[in-house]
PDB file of N, CA and C in Angstrom:
ATOM      1  N   SER A   1     117.588  86.053 167.737  1.00  0.00           N
ATOM      2  CA  SER A   1     117.557  87.165 166.798  1.00  0.00           C
ATOM      3  C   SER A   1     118.518  86.905 165.638  1.00  0.00           C
ATOM      4  N   LEU A   2     119.712  86.385 165.962  1.00  0.00           N
ATOM      5  CA  LEU A   2     120.701  86.104 164.929  1.00  0.00           C
ATOM      6  C   LEU A   2     120.231  84.957 164.040  1.00  0.00           C
ATOM      7  N   SER A   3     119.647  83.936 164.660  1.00  0.00           N
ATOM      8  CA  SER A   3     119.162  82.795 163.874  1.00  0.00           C
ATOM      9  C   SER A   3     117.964  83.197 163.007  1.00  0.00           C
ATOM     10  N   LEU A   4     117.118  84.096 163.512  1.00  0.00           N
ATOM     11  CA  LEU A   4     115.977  84.580 162.746  1.00  0.00           C
ATOM     12  C   LEU A   4     116.445  85.369 161.530  1.00  0.00           C
ATOM     13  N   SER A   5     117.412  86.251 161.713  1.00  0.00           N
ATOM     14  CA  SER A   5     117.901  87.040 160.586  1.00  0.00           C
ATOM     15  C   SER A   5     118.650  86.154 159.588  1.00  0.00           C
ATOM     16  N   LEU A   6     119.354  85.138 160.083  1.00  0.00           N
ATOM     17  CA  LEU A   6     120.068  84.212 159.205  1.00  0.00           C
ATOM     18  C   LEU A   6     119.078  83.403 158.366  1.00  0.00           C
ATOM     19  N   SER A   7     118.007  82.912 158.999  1.00  0.00           N
ATOM     20  CA  SER A   7     117.008  82.127 158.262  1.00  0.00           C
ATOM     21  C   SER A   7     116.237  83.023 157.286  1.00  0.00           C
ATOM     22  N   LEU A   8     116.003  84.284 157.667  1.00  0.00           N
ATOM     23  CA  LEU A   8     115.312  85.218 156.793  1.00  0.00           C
ATOM     24  C   LEU A   8     116.171  85.538 155.572  1.00  0.00           C
ATOM     25  N   SER A   9     117.458  85.772 155.791  1.00  0.00           N
ATOM     26  CA  SER A   9     118.341  86.075 154.660  1.00  0.00           C
ATOM     27  C   SER A   9     118.520  84.849 153.771  1.00  0.00           C
ATOM     28  N   LEU A  10     118.530  83.648 154.372  1.00  0.00           N
ATOM     29  CA  LEU A  10     118.653  82.416 153.599  1.00  0.00           C
ATOM     30  C   LEU A  10     117.413  82.207 152.736  1.00  0.00           C
ATOM     31  N   SER A  11     116.232  82.435 153.309  1.00  0.00           N
ATOM     32  CA  SER A  11     115.000  82.252 152.536  1.00  0.00           C
ATOM     33  C   SER A  11     114.892  83.318 151.448  1.00  0.00           C
ATOM     34  N   LEU A  12     115.360  84.541 151.736  1.00  0.00           N
ATOM     35  CA  LEU A  12     115.340  85.611 150.740  1.00  0.00           C
ATOM     36  C   LEU A  12     116.278  85.280 149.583  1.00  0.00           C
ATOM     37  N   SER A  13     117.466  84.786 149.891  1.00  0.00           N
ATOM     38  CA  SER A  13     118.402  84.441 148.827  1.00  0.00           C
ATOM     39  C   SER A  13     117.901  83.237 148.034  1.00  0.00           C
ATOM     40  N   LEU A  14     117.234  82.284 148.710  1.00  0.00           N
ATOM     41  CA  LEU A  14     116.676  81.135 148.021  1.00  0.00           C
ATOM     42  C   LEU A  14     115.563  81.564 147.072  1.00  0.00           C
ATOM     43  N   SER A  15     114.672  82.444 147.534  1.00  0.00           N
ATOM     44  CA  SER A  15     113.590  82.910 146.664  1.00  0.00           C
ATOM     45  C   SER A  15     114.140  83.750 145.515  1.00  0.00           C
ATOM     46  N   LEU A  16     115.198  84.512 145.754  1.00  0.00           N
ATOM     47  CA  LEU A  16     115.817  85.299 144.700  1.00  0.00           C
ATOM     48  C   LEU A  16     116.444  84.383 143.657  1.00  0.00           C
ATOM     49  N   SER A  17     117.107  83.318 144.097  1.00  0.00           N
ATOM     50  CA  SER A  17     117.722  82.392 143.145  1.00  0.00           C
ATOM     51  C   SER A  17     116.652  81.644 142.355  1.00  0.00           C
ATOM     52  N   LEU A  18     115.518  81.295 142.998  1.00  0.00           N
ATOM     53  CA  LEU A  18     114.431  80.655 142.264  1.00  0.00           C
ATOM     54  C   LEU A  18     113.834  81.604 141.235  1.00  0.00           C
ATOM     55  N   PHE A  19     113.719  82.885 141.575  1.00  0.00           N
ATOM     56  CA  PHE A  19     113.209  83.876 140.638  1.00  0.00           C
ATOM     57  C   PHE A  19     114.149  84.007 139.440  1.00  0.00           C
ATOM     58  N   ILE A  20     115.437  84.007 139.685  1.00  0.00           N
ATOM     59  CA  ILE A  20     116.407  84.118 138.593  1.00  0.00           C
ATOM     60  C   ILE A  20     116.333  82.896 137.690  1.00  0.00           C
ATOM     61  N   LEU A  21     116.197  81.701 138.289  1.00  0.00           N
ATOM     62  CA  LEU A  21     116.075  80.481 137.488  1.00  0.00           C
ATOM     63  C   LEU A  21     114.811  80.496 136.646  1.00  0.00           C
ATOM     64  N   SER A  22     113.692  80.913 137.235  1.00  0.00           N
ATOM     65  CA  SER A  22     112.438  80.919 136.484  1.00  0.00           C
ATOM     66  C   SER A  22     112.475  81.969 135.376  1.00  0.00           C
ATOM     67  N   SER A  23     113.076  83.125 135.629  1.00  0.00           N
ATOM     68  CA  SER A  23     113.145  84.137 134.566  1.00  0.00           C
ATOM     69  C   SER A  23     114.094  83.690 133.464  1.00  0.00           C
ATOM     70  N   THR A  24     115.153  82.963 133.818  1.00  0.00           N
ATOM     71  CA  THR A  24     116.058  82.434 132.809  1.00  0.00           C
ATOM     72  C   THR A  24     115.340  81.401 131.956  1.00  0.00           C
ATOM     73  N   LYS A  25     114.505  80.593 132.582  1.00  0.00           N
ATOM     74  CA  LYS A  25     113.758  79.590 131.842  1.00  0.00           C
ATOM     75  C   LYS A  25     112.819  80.253 130.847  1.00  0.00           C
ATOM     76  N   ARG A  26     112.148  81.310 131.257  1.00  0.00           N
ATOM     77  CA  ARG A  26     111.264  82.033 130.348  1.00  0.00           C
ATOM     78  C   ARG A  26     112.047  82.643 129.200  1.00  0.00           C
ATOM     79  N   PHE A  27     113.211  83.167 129.489  1.00  0.00           N
ATOM     80  CA  PHE A  27     114.031  83.788 128.464  1.00  0.00           C
ATOM     81  C   PHE A  27     114.448  82.752 127.426  1.00  0.00           C
ATOM     82  N   ASN A  28     114.823  81.560 127.900  1.00  0.00           N
ATOM     83  CA  ASN A  28     115.196  80.494 126.974  1.00  0.00           C
ATOM     84  C   ASN A  28     114.012  80.063 126.124  1.00  0.00           C
ATOM     85  N   TYR A  29     112.802  80.064 126.683  1.00  0.00           N
ATOM     86  CA  TYR A  29     111.620  79.690 125.926  1.00  0.00           C
ATOM     87  C   TYR A  29     111.416  80.654 124.762  1.00  0.00           C
ATOM     88  N   LYS A  30     111.529  81.957 125.042  1.00  0.00           N
ATOM     89  CA  LYS A  30     111.335  82.934 123.981  1.00  0.00           C
ATOM     90  C   LYS A  30     112.451  82.854 122.951  1.00  0.00           C
ATOM     91  N   GLU A  31     113.605  82.459 123.382  1.00  0.00           N
ATOM     92  CA  GLU A  31     114.752  82.370 122.485  1.00  0.00           C
ATOM     93  C   GLU A  31     114.590  81.237 121.484  1.00  0.00           C
ATOM     94  N   ARG A  32     113.922  80.143 121.883  1.00  0.00           N
ATOM     95  CA  ARG A  32     113.818  78.994 121.008  1.00  0.00           C
ATOM     96  C   ARG A  32     112.536  78.984 120.183  1.00  0.00           C
ATOM     97  N   THR A  33     111.794  80.082 120.148  1.00  0.00           N
ATOM     98  CA  THR A  33     110.565  80.141 119.383  1.00  0.00           C
ATOM     99  C   THR A  33     110.862  79.991 117.895  1.00  0.00           C
ATOM    100  N   ILE A  34     110.141  79.090 117.252  1.00  0.00           N
ATOM    101  CA  ILE A  34     110.288  78.862 115.825  1.00  0.00           C
ATOM    102  C   ILE A  34     109.255  79.724 115.121  1.00  0.00           C
ATOM    103  N   ARG A  35     109.687  80.490 114.158  1.00  0.00           N
ATOM    104  CA  ARG A  35     108.760  81.319 113.396  1.00  0.00           C
ATOM    105  C   ARG A  35     108.154  80.470 112.287  1.00  0.00           C
ATOM    106  N   MET A  36     107.104  79.720 112.637  1.00  0.00           N
ATOM    107  CA  MET A  36     106.502  78.818 111.674  1.00  0.00           C
ATOM    108  C   MET A  36     104.990  78.807 111.877  1.00  0.00           C
ATOM    109  N   SER A  37     104.262  78.802 110.779  1.00  0.00           N
ATOM    110  CA  SER A  37     102.806  78.757 110.867  1.00  0.00           C
ATOM    111  C   SER A  37     102.326  77.364 110.499  1.00  0.00           C
ATOM    112  N   ILE A  38     101.429  76.842 111.300  1.00  0.00           N
ATOM    113  CA  ILE A  38     100.916  75.491 111.118  1.00  0.00           C
ATOM    114  C   ILE A  38      99.396  75.522 111.139  1.00  0.00           C
ATOM    115  N   ALA A  39      98.795  74.809 110.183  1.00  0.00           N
ATOM    116  CA  ALA A  39      97.346  74.643 110.154  1.00  0.00           C
ATOM    117  C   ALA A  39      97.029  73.205 110.545  1.00  0.00           C
ATOM    118  N   ILE A  40      96.041  73.048 111.402  1.00  0.00           N
ATOM    119  CA  ILE A  40      95.575  71.722 111.785  1.00  0.00           C
ATOM    120  C   ILE A  40      94.220  71.527 111.123  1.00  0.00           C
ATOM    121  N   LEU A  41      94.128  70.524 110.273  1.00  0.00           N
ATOM    122  CA  LEU A  41      92.901  70.240 109.551  1.00  0.00           C
ATOM    123  C   LEU A  41      92.229  69.040 110.198  1.00  0.00           C
ATOM    124  N   GLY A  42      91.042  69.226 110.736  1.00  0.00           N
ATOM    125  CA  GLY A  42      90.351  68.168 111.460  1.00  0.00           C
ATOM    126  C   GLY A  42      90.567  68.333 112.954  1.00  0.00           C
ATOM    127  N   GLY A  43      90.500  67.254 113.676  1.00  0.00           N
ATOM    128  CA  GLY A  43      90.647  67.332 115.120  1.00  0.00           C
ATOM    129  C   GLY A  43      89.306  67.555 115.796  1.00  0.00           C
ATOM    130  N   LEU A  44      89.319  67.559 117.092  1.00  0.00           N
ATOM    131  CA  LEU A  44      88.104  67.745 117.873  1.00  0.00           C
ATOM    132  C   LEU A  44      88.046  69.168 118.415  1.00  0.00           C
ATOM    133  N   ASP A  45      86.857  69.762 118.342  1.00  0.00           N
ATOM    134  CA  ASP A  45      86.694  71.143 118.810  1.00  0.00           C
ATOM    135  C   ASP A  45      87.046  71.300 120.279  1.00  0.00           C
ATOM    136  N   ARG A  46      86.691  70.323 121.089  1.00  0.00           N
ATOM    137  CA  ARG A  46      86.944  70.460 122.528  1.00  0.00           C
ATOM    138  C   ARG A  46      88.422  70.338 122.887  1.00  0.00           C
ATOM    139  N   LEU A  47      89.237  69.796 121.965  1.00  0.00           N
ATOM    140  CA  LEU A  47      90.678  69.673 122.213  1.00  0.00           C
ATOM    141  C   LEU A  47      91.487  70.816 121.597  1.00  0.00           C
ATOM    142  N   LYS A  48      90.831  71.748 120.963  1.00  0.00           N
ATOM    143  CA  LYS A  48      91.521  72.859 120.301  1.00  0.00           C
ATOM    144  C   LYS A  48      92.473  73.618 121.234  1.00  0.00           C
ATOM    145  N   PRO A  49      92.060  73.981 122.461  1.00  0.00           N
ATOM    146  CA  PRO A  49      92.998  74.685 123.344  1.00  0.00           C
ATOM    147  C   PRO A  49      94.237  73.854 123.689  1.00  0.00           C
ATOM    148  N   HIS A  50      94.064  72.538 123.771  1.00  0.00           N
ATOM    149  CA  HIS A  50      95.198  71.666 124.076  1.00  0.00           C
ATOM    150  C   HIS A  50      96.158  71.591 122.891  1.00  0.00           C
ATOM    151  N   TYR A  51      95.623  71.523 121.666  1.00  0.00           N
ATOM    152  CA  TYR A  51      96.471  71.538 120.471  1.00  0.00           C
ATOM    153  C   TYR A  51      97.306  72.818 120.434  1.00  0.00           C
ATOM    154  N   LEU A  52      96.643  73.937 120.689  1.00  0.00           N
ATOM    155  CA  LEU A  52      97.332  75.230 120.642  1.00  0.00           C
ATOM    156  C   LEU A  52      98.416  75.320 121.710  1.00  0.00           C
ATOM    157  N   ARG A  53      98.098  74.868 122.915  1.00  0.00           N
ATOM    158  CA  ARG A  53      99.059  74.950 124.011  1.00  0.00           C
ATOM    159  C   ARG A  53     100.293  74.083 123.742  1.00  0.00           C
ATOM    160  N   HIS A  54     100.084  72.857 123.273  1.00  0.00           N
ATOM    161  CA  HIS A  54     101.220  71.977 123.013  1.00  0.00           C
ATOM    162  C   HIS A  54     102.044  72.480 121.833  1.00  0.00           C
ATOM    163  N   GLY A  55     101.400  73.045 120.842  1.00  0.00           N
ATOM    164  CA  GLY A  55     102.142  73.622 119.722  1.00  0.00           C
ATOM    165  C   GLY A  55     102.997  74.798 120.154  1.00  0.00           C
ATOM    166  N   ARG A  56     102.448  75.639 121.013  1.00  0.00           N
ATOM    167  CA  ARG A  56     103.223  76.786 121.514  1.00  0.00           C
ATOM    168  C   ARG A  56     104.350  76.333 122.437  1.00  0.00           C
ATOM    169  N   ASN A  57     104.120  75.271 123.200  1.00  0.00           N
ATOM    170  CA  ASN A  57     105.184  74.733 124.054  1.00  0.00           C
ATOM    171  C   ASN A  57     106.336  74.180 123.231  1.00  0.00           C
ATOM    172  N   LEU A  58     106.034  73.691 122.034  1.00  0.00           N
ATOM    173  CA  LEU A  58     107.085  73.199 121.153  1.00  0.00           C
ATOM    174  C   LEU A  58     107.757  74.327 120.378  1.00  0.00           C
ATOM    175  N   GLY A  59     107.227  75.551 120.479  1.00  0.00           N
ATOM    176  CA  GLY A  59     107.893  76.700 119.893  1.00  0.00           C
ATOM    177  C   GLY A  59     107.239  77.286 118.664  1.00  0.00           C
ATOM    178  N   PHE A  60     106.059  76.822 118.267  1.00  0.00           N
ATOM    179  CA  PHE A  60     105.388  77.382 117.101  1.00  0.00           C
ATOM    180  C   PHE A  60     104.633  78.643 117.492  1.00  0.00           C
ATOM    181  N   ASN A  61     104.630  79.636 116.605  1.00  0.00           N
ATOM    182  CA  ASN A  61     104.007  80.896 116.994  1.00  0.00           C
ATOM    183  C   ASN A  61     102.637  81.109 116.377  1.00  0.00           C
ATOM    184  N   ASN A  62     102.318  80.471 115.246  1.00  0.00           N
ATOM    185  CA  ASN A  62     101.034  80.696 114.591  1.00  0.00           C
ATOM    186  C   ASN A  62     100.395  79.347 114.293  1.00  0.00           C
ATOM    187  N   ILE A  63      99.367  79.002 115.056  1.00  0.00           N
ATOM    188  CA  ILE A  63      98.676  77.731 114.909  1.00  0.00           C
ATOM    189  C   ILE A  63      97.187  78.008 114.742  1.00  0.00           C
ATOM    190  N   LYS A  64      96.606  77.452 113.695  1.00  0.00           N
ATOM    191  CA  LYS A  64      95.168  77.587 113.460  1.00  0.00           C
ATOM    192  C   LYS A  64      94.566  76.199 113.328  1.00  0.00           C
ATOM    193  N   VAL A  65      93.381  76.015 113.896  1.00  0.00           N
ATOM    194  CA  VAL A  65      92.683  74.738 113.824  1.00  0.00           C
ATOM    195  C   VAL A  65      91.430  74.926 112.982  1.00  0.00           C
ATOM    196  N   PHE A  66      91.306  74.119 111.933  1.00  0.00           N
ATOM    197  CA  PHE A  66      90.136  74.128 111.063  1.00  0.00           C
ATOM    198  C   PHE A  66      89.475  72.764 111.175  1.00  0.00           C
ATOM    199  N   SER A  67      88.358  72.693 111.908  1.00  0.00           N
ATOM    200  CA  SER A  67      87.720  71.397 112.123  1.00  0.00           C
ATOM    201  C   SER A  67      86.592  71.140 111.128  1.00  0.00           C
ATOM    202  N   LYS A  68      86.154  72.158 110.422  1.00  0.00           N
ATOM    203  CA  LYS A  68      85.068  72.007 109.458  1.00  0.00           C
ATOM    204  C   LYS A  68      85.478  72.623 108.131  1.00  0.00           C
ATOM    205  N   LYS A  69      84.785  72.216 107.075  1.00  0.00           N
ATOM    206  CA  LYS A  69      85.051  72.772 105.754  1.00  0.00           C
ATOM    207  C   LYS A  69      84.652  74.243 105.754  1.00  0.00           C
ATOM    208  N   PHE A  70      85.423  75.065 105.073  1.00  0.00           N
ATOM    209  CA  PHE A  70      85.171  76.493 105.060  1.00  0.00           C
ATOM    210  C   PHE A  70      85.396  77.036 103.649  1.00  0.00           C
ATOM    211  N   PRO A  71      84.852  78.203 103.333  1.00  0.00           N
ATOM    212  CA  PRO A  71      85.014  78.766 101.993  1.00  0.00           C
ATOM    213  C   PRO A  71      86.475  79.115 101.700  1.00  0.00           C
ATOM    214  N   ASP A  72      86.873  78.974 100.454  1.00  0.00           N
ATOM    215  CA  ASP A  72      88.234  79.259  99.988  1.00  0.00           C
ATOM    216  C   ASP A  72      89.275  78.510 100.819  1.00  0.00           C
ATOM    217  N   MET A  73      88.978  77.258 101.132  1.00  0.00           N
ATOM    218  CA  MET A  73      89.841  76.463 102.001  1.00  0.00           C
ATOM    219  C   MET A  73      91.251  76.339 101.439  1.00  0.00           C
ATOM    220  N   VAL A  74      91.362  75.959 100.163  1.00  0.00           N
ATOM    221  CA  VAL A  74      92.671  75.724  99.569  1.00  0.00           C
ATOM    222  C   VAL A  74      93.485  77.018  99.530  1.00  0.00           C
ATOM    223  N   LYS A  75      92.840  78.112  99.224  1.00  0.00           N
ATOM    224  CA  LYS A  75      93.541  79.409  99.154  1.00  0.00           C
ATOM    225  C   LYS A  75      94.034  79.844 100.530  1.00  0.00           C
ATOM    226  N   ARG A  76      93.216  79.652 101.550  1.00  0.00           N
ATOM    227  CA  ARG A  76      93.626  80.042 102.915  1.00  0.00           C
ATOM    228  C   ARG A  76      94.706  79.135 103.476  1.00  0.00           C
ATOM    229  N   LEU A  77      94.646  77.839 103.156  1.00  0.00           N
ATOM    230  CA  LEU A  77      95.650  76.910 103.669  1.00  0.00           C
ATOM    231  C   LEU A  77      96.993  77.074 102.969  1.00  0.00           C
ATOM    232  N   SER A  78      97.011  77.658 101.792  1.00  0.00           N
ATOM    233  CA  SER A  78      98.275  77.826 101.059  1.00  0.00           C
ATOM    234  C   SER A  78      99.196  78.847 101.723  1.00  0.00           C
ATOM    235  N   LYS A  79      98.678  79.616 102.663  1.00  0.00           N
ATOM    236  CA  LYS A  79      99.500  80.617 103.355  1.00  0.00           C
ATOM    237  C   LYS A  79     100.290  80.030 104.519  1.00  0.00           C
ATOM    238  N   PHE A  80     100.022  78.784 104.891  1.00  0.00           N
ATOM    239  CA  PHE A  80     100.717  78.137 106.000  1.00  0.00           C
ATOM    240  C   PHE A  80     101.962  77.412 105.504  1.00  0.00           C
ATOM    241  N   GLU A  81     102.944  77.297 106.388  1.00  0.00           N
ATOM    242  CA  GLU A  81     104.193  76.627 106.034  1.00  0.00           C
ATOM    243  C   GLU A  81     104.126  75.118 106.235  1.00  0.00           C
ATOM    244  N   ARG A  82     103.311  74.661 107.182  1.00  0.00           N
ATOM    245  CA  ARG A  82     103.133  73.243 107.464  1.00  0.00           C
ATOM    246  C   ARG A  82     101.650  72.990 107.715  1.00  0.00           C
ATOM    247  N   ILE A  83     101.213  71.761 107.409  1.00  0.00           N
ATOM    248  CA  ILE A  83      99.817  71.376 107.639  1.00  0.00           C
ATOM    249  C   ILE A  83      99.795  70.009 108.306  1.00  0.00           C
ATOM    250  N   VAL A  84      98.962  69.878 109.339  1.00  0.00           N
ATOM    251  CA  VAL A  84      98.744  68.597 110.012  1.00  0.00           C
ATOM    252  C   VAL A  84      97.305  68.193 109.735  1.00  0.00           C
ATOM    253  N   ILE A  85      97.117  66.964 109.247  1.00  0.00           N
ATOM    254  CA  ILE A  85      95.779  66.472 108.925  1.00  0.00           C
ATOM    255  C   ILE A  85      95.427  65.327 109.869  1.00  0.00           C
ATOM    256  N   CYS A  86      94.298  65.452 110.553  1.00  0.00           N
ATOM    257  CA  CYS A  86      93.754  64.367 111.366  1.00  0.00           C
ATOM    258  C   CYS A  86      92.804  63.590 110.468  1.00  0.00           C
ATOM    259  N   THR A  87      93.278  62.519 109.883  1.00  0.00           N
ATOM    260  CA  THR A  87      92.503  61.812 108.868  1.00  0.00           C
ATOM    261  C   THR A  87      91.319  61.051 109.439  1.00  0.00           C
ATOM    262  N   GLY A  88      91.266  60.869 110.734  1.00  0.00           N
ATOM    263  CA  GLY A  88      90.182  60.111 111.349  1.00  0.00           C
ATOM    264  C   GLY A  88      88.842  60.809 111.314  1.00  0.00           C
ATOM    265  N   ASN A  89      88.823  62.112 111.349  1.00  0.00           N
ATOM    266  CA  ASN A  89      87.542  62.821 111.391  1.00  0.00           C
ATOM    267  C   ASN A  89      87.555  64.078 110.521  1.00  0.00           C
ATOM    268  N   VAL A  90      87.904  63.875 109.246  1.00  0.00           N
ATOM    269  CA  VAL A  90      87.867  64.982 108.294  1.00  0.00           C
ATOM    270  C   VAL A  90      87.368  64.414 106.962  1.00  0.00           C
ATOM    271  N   ALA A  91      86.641  65.207 106.200  1.00  0.00           N
ATOM    272  CA  ALA A  91      86.060  64.752 104.938  1.00  0.00           C
ATOM    273  C   ALA A  91      87.154  64.470 103.909  1.00  0.00           C
ATOM    274  N   HIS A  92      86.921  63.459 103.068  1.00  0.00           N
ATOM    275  CA  HIS A  92      87.895  63.092 102.044  1.00  0.00           C
ATOM    276  C   HIS A  92      88.135  64.244 101.062  1.00  0.00           C
ATOM    277  N   SER A  93      87.108  64.994 100.767  1.00  0.00           N
ATOM    278  CA  SER A  93      87.274  66.114  99.828  1.00  0.00           C
ATOM    279  C   SER A  93      88.220  67.177 100.394  1.00  0.00           C
ATOM    280  N   MET A  94      88.162  67.386 101.704  1.00  0.00           N
ATOM    281  CA  MET A  94      89.081  68.339 102.333  1.00  0.00           C
ATOM    282  C   MET A  94      90.521  67.845 102.243  1.00  0.00           C
ATOM    283  N   VAL A  95      90.729  66.551 102.486  1.00  0.00           N
ATOM    284  CA  VAL A  95      92.071  65.976 102.444  1.00  0.00           C
ATOM    285  C   VAL A  95      92.622  66.029 101.030  1.00  0.00           C
ATOM    286  N   GLU A  96      91.829  65.636 100.046  1.00  0.00           N
ATOM    287  CA  GLU A  96      92.291  65.603  98.658  1.00  0.00           C
ATOM    288  C   GLU A  96      92.687  66.984  98.163  1.00  0.00           C
ATOM    289  N   GLY A  97      91.844  67.979  98.419  1.00  0.00           N
ATOM    290  CA  GLY A  97      92.160  69.347  97.990  1.00  0.00           C
ATOM    291  C   GLY A  97      93.393  69.892  98.678  1.00  0.00           C
ATOM    292  N   THR A  98      93.536  69.601  99.958  1.00  0.00           N
ATOM    293  CA  THR A  98      94.683  70.082 100.721  1.00  0.00           C
ATOM    294  C   THR A  98      95.977  69.428 100.260  1.00  0.00           C
ATOM    295  N   VAL A  99      95.949  68.130 100.040  1.00  0.00           N
ATOM    296  CA  VAL A  99      97.155  67.416  99.607  1.00  0.00           C
ATOM    297  C   VAL A  99      97.584  67.886  98.222  1.00  0.00           C
ATOM    298  N   ARG A 100      96.638  68.066  97.324  1.00  0.00           N
ATOM    299  CA  ARG A 100      96.950  68.553  95.984  1.00  0.00           C
ATOM    300  C   ARG A 100      97.605  69.941  96.044  1.00  0.00           C
ATOM    301  N   MET A 101      97.025  70.842  96.827  1.00  0.00           N
ATOM    302  CA  MET A 101      97.557  72.193  96.977  1.00  0.00           C
ATOM    303  C   MET A 101      98.941  72.168  97.617  1.00  0.00           C
ATOM    304  N   ALA A 102      99.141  71.301  98.613  1.00  0.00           N
ATOM    305  CA  ALA A 102     100.427  71.226  99.304  1.00  0.00           C
ATOM    306  C   ALA A 102     101.519  70.711  98.379  1.00  0.00           C
ATOM    307  N   GLN A 103     101.206  69.755  97.521  1.00  0.00           N
ATOM    308  CA  GLN A 103     102.196  69.246  96.575  1.00  0.00           C
ATOM    309  C   GLN A 103     102.591  70.314  95.572  1.00  0.00           C
ATOM    310  N   ILE A 104     101.653  71.095  95.125  1.00  0.00           N
ATOM    311  CA  ILE A 104     101.946  72.165  94.164  1.00  0.00           C
ATOM    312  C   ILE A 104     102.813  73.239  94.798  1.00  0.00           C
ATOM    313  N   ASN A 105     102.505  73.612  96.049  1.00  0.00           N
ATOM    314  CA  ASN A 105     103.214  74.706  96.716  1.00  0.00           C
ATOM    315  C   ASN A 105     104.417  74.254  97.544  1.00  0.00           C
ATOM    316  N   GLY A 106     104.671  72.961  97.632  1.00  0.00           N
ATOM    317  CA  GLY A 106     105.809  72.456  98.400  1.00  0.00           C
ATOM    318  C   GLY A 106     105.643  72.586  99.904  1.00  0.00           C
ATOM    319  N   ILE A 107     104.425  72.451 100.390  1.00  0.00           N
ATOM    320  CA  ILE A 107     104.136  72.541 101.822  1.00  0.00           C
ATOM    321  C   ILE A 107     104.215  71.147 102.427  1.00  0.00           C
ATOM    322  N   GLN A 108     104.920  71.019 103.544  1.00  0.00           N
ATOM    323  CA  GLN A 108     105.068  69.729 104.218  1.00  0.00           C
ATOM    324  C   GLN A 108     103.786  69.386 104.964  1.00  0.00           C
ATOM    325  N   ILE A 109     103.366  68.118 104.845  1.00  0.00           N
ATOM    326  CA  ILE A 109     102.133  67.654 105.487  1.00  0.00           C
ATOM    327  C   ILE A 109     102.458  66.543 106.472  1.00  0.00           C
ATOM    328  N   GLY A 110     101.857  66.632 107.658  1.00  0.00           N
ATOM    329  CA  GLY A 110     101.923  65.562 108.643  1.00  0.00           C
ATOM    330  C   GLY A 110     100.540  64.972 108.792  1.00  0.00           C
ATOM    331  N   ARG A 111     100.463  63.667 108.933  1.00  0.00           N
ATOM    332  CA  ARG A 111      99.163  63.013 109.057  1.00  0.00           C
ATOM    333  C   ARG A 111      99.115  62.174 110.322  1.00  0.00           C
ATOM    334  N   THR A 112      97.950  62.186 110.935  1.00  0.00           N
ATOM    335  CA  THR A 112      97.697  61.326 112.073  1.00  0.00           C
ATOM    336  C   THR A 112      96.250  60.871 111.992  1.00  0.00           C
ATOM    337  N   HIS A 113      96.012  59.610 112.274  1.00  0.00           N
ATOM    338  CA  HIS A 113      94.639  59.109 112.225  1.00  0.00           C
ATOM    339  C   HIS A 113      93.881  59.492 113.495  1.00  0.00           C
ATOM    340  N   SER A 114      94.585  59.520 114.590  1.00  0.00           N
ATOM    341  CA  SER A 114      93.975  59.832 115.879  1.00  0.00           C
ATOM    342  C   SER A 114      93.902  61.347 116.076  1.00  0.00           C
ATOM    343  N   SER A 115      92.927  61.787 116.843  1.00  0.00           N
ATOM    344  CA  SER A 115      92.804  63.212 117.168  1.00  0.00           C
ATOM    345  C   SER A 115      93.292  63.515 118.577  1.00  0.00           C
ATOM    346  N   SER A 116      93.960  62.580 119.200  1.00  0.00           N
ATOM    347  CA  SER A 116      94.401  62.787 120.578  1.00  0.00           C
ATOM    348  C   SER A 116      95.514  63.835 120.631  1.00  0.00           C
ATOM    349  N   VAL A 117      95.692  64.395 121.787  1.00  0.00           N
ATOM    350  CA  VAL A 117      96.699  65.434 121.973  1.00  0.00           C
ATOM    351  C   VAL A 117      98.102  64.852 121.823  1.00  0.00           C
ATOM    352  N   SER A 118      98.320  63.645 122.331  1.00  0.00           N
ATOM    353  CA  SER A 118      99.649  63.041 122.221  1.00  0.00           C
ATOM    354  C   SER A 118      99.987  62.712 120.767  1.00  0.00           C
ATOM    355  N   ALA A 119      99.014  62.270 119.973  1.00  0.00           N
ATOM    356  CA  ALA A 119      99.262  62.011 118.554  1.00  0.00           C
ATOM    357  C   ALA A 119      99.569  63.305 117.819  1.00  0.00           C
ATOM    358  N   MET A 120      98.880  64.367 118.191  1.00  0.00           N
ATOM    359  CA  MET A 120      99.135  65.677 117.568  1.00  0.00           C
ATOM    360  C   MET A 120     100.527  66.173 117.926  1.00  0.00           C
ATOM    361  N   LYS A 121     100.927  65.967 119.163  1.00  0.00           N
ATOM    362  CA  LYS A 121     102.259  66.385 119.611  1.00  0.00           C
ATOM    363  C   LYS A 121     103.347  65.633 118.843  1.00  0.00           C
ATOM    364  N   LYS A 122     103.171  64.322 118.652  1.00  0.00           N
ATOM    365  CA  LYS A 122     104.133  63.535 117.875  1.00  0.00           C
ATOM    366  C   LYS A 122     104.199  64.023 116.439  1.00  0.00           C
ATOM    367  N   CYS A 123     103.061  64.377 115.890  1.00  0.00           N
ATOM    368  CA  CYS A 123     103.013  64.866 114.512  1.00  0.00           C
ATOM    369  C   CYS A 123     103.718  66.228 114.407  1.00  0.00           C
ATOM    370  N   PHE A 124     103.563  67.100 115.401  1.00  0.00           N
ATOM    371  CA  PHE A 124     104.275  68.379 115.428  1.00  0.00           C
ATOM    372  C   PHE A 124     105.780  68.146 115.432  1.00  0.00           C
ATOM    373  N   GLU A 125     106.221  67.226 116.290  1.00  0.00           N
ATOM    374  CA  GLU A 125     107.653  66.936 116.393  1.00  0.00           C
ATOM    375  C   GLU A 125     108.201  66.357 115.092  1.00  0.00           C
ATOM    376  N   GLN A 126     107.393  65.507 114.446  1.00  0.00           N
ATOM    377  CA  GLN A 126     107.797  64.894 113.189  1.00  0.00           C
ATOM    378  C   GLN A 126     107.911  65.940 112.075  1.00  0.00           C
ATOM    379  N   ILE A 127     107.023  66.871 112.070  1.00  0.00           N
ATOM    380  CA  ILE A 127     107.012  67.908 111.026  1.00  0.00           C
ATOM    381  C   ILE A 127     108.195  68.856 111.150  1.00  0.00           C
ATOM    382  N   THR A 128     108.654  69.111 112.359  1.00  0.00           N
ATOM    383  CA  THR A 128     109.766  70.070 112.549  1.00  0.00           C
ATOM    384  C   THR A 128     111.101  69.481 112.139  1.00  0.00           C
ATOM    385  N   ASN A 129     111.223  68.170 112.131  1.00  0.00           N
ATOM    386  CA  ASN A 129     112.500  67.538 111.776  1.00  0.00           C
ATOM    387  C   ASN A 129     112.632  67.297 110.304  1.00  0.00           C
TER     388      ASN A 129
END
């Protein structure tokens, strides 16, 4: 009976300490959130959820993926603070218009030829520094 209550109290304290550690980890995540909006131009549609997840894990709060040309592209992209361009699968006209607009407005651009998630993650890290 004594050993059962001792093991029960030990497991309860262990689970309580794990809960405190996990809640502290969540608190630190929210604390390090960067208030920055990023547009991803190009990329693969099927990888969109992965781009968003990795961007949020790095602390970005507003991430939009534009894989196709859309109306008023330059005007809509001018509202973002940073832009990542996947040059491997995006039209040259989209890149030219975006780069011209970014130079005029002083928006930082990151480029990657690959559309892979790891290349996008490296580009996110490069843009924040």
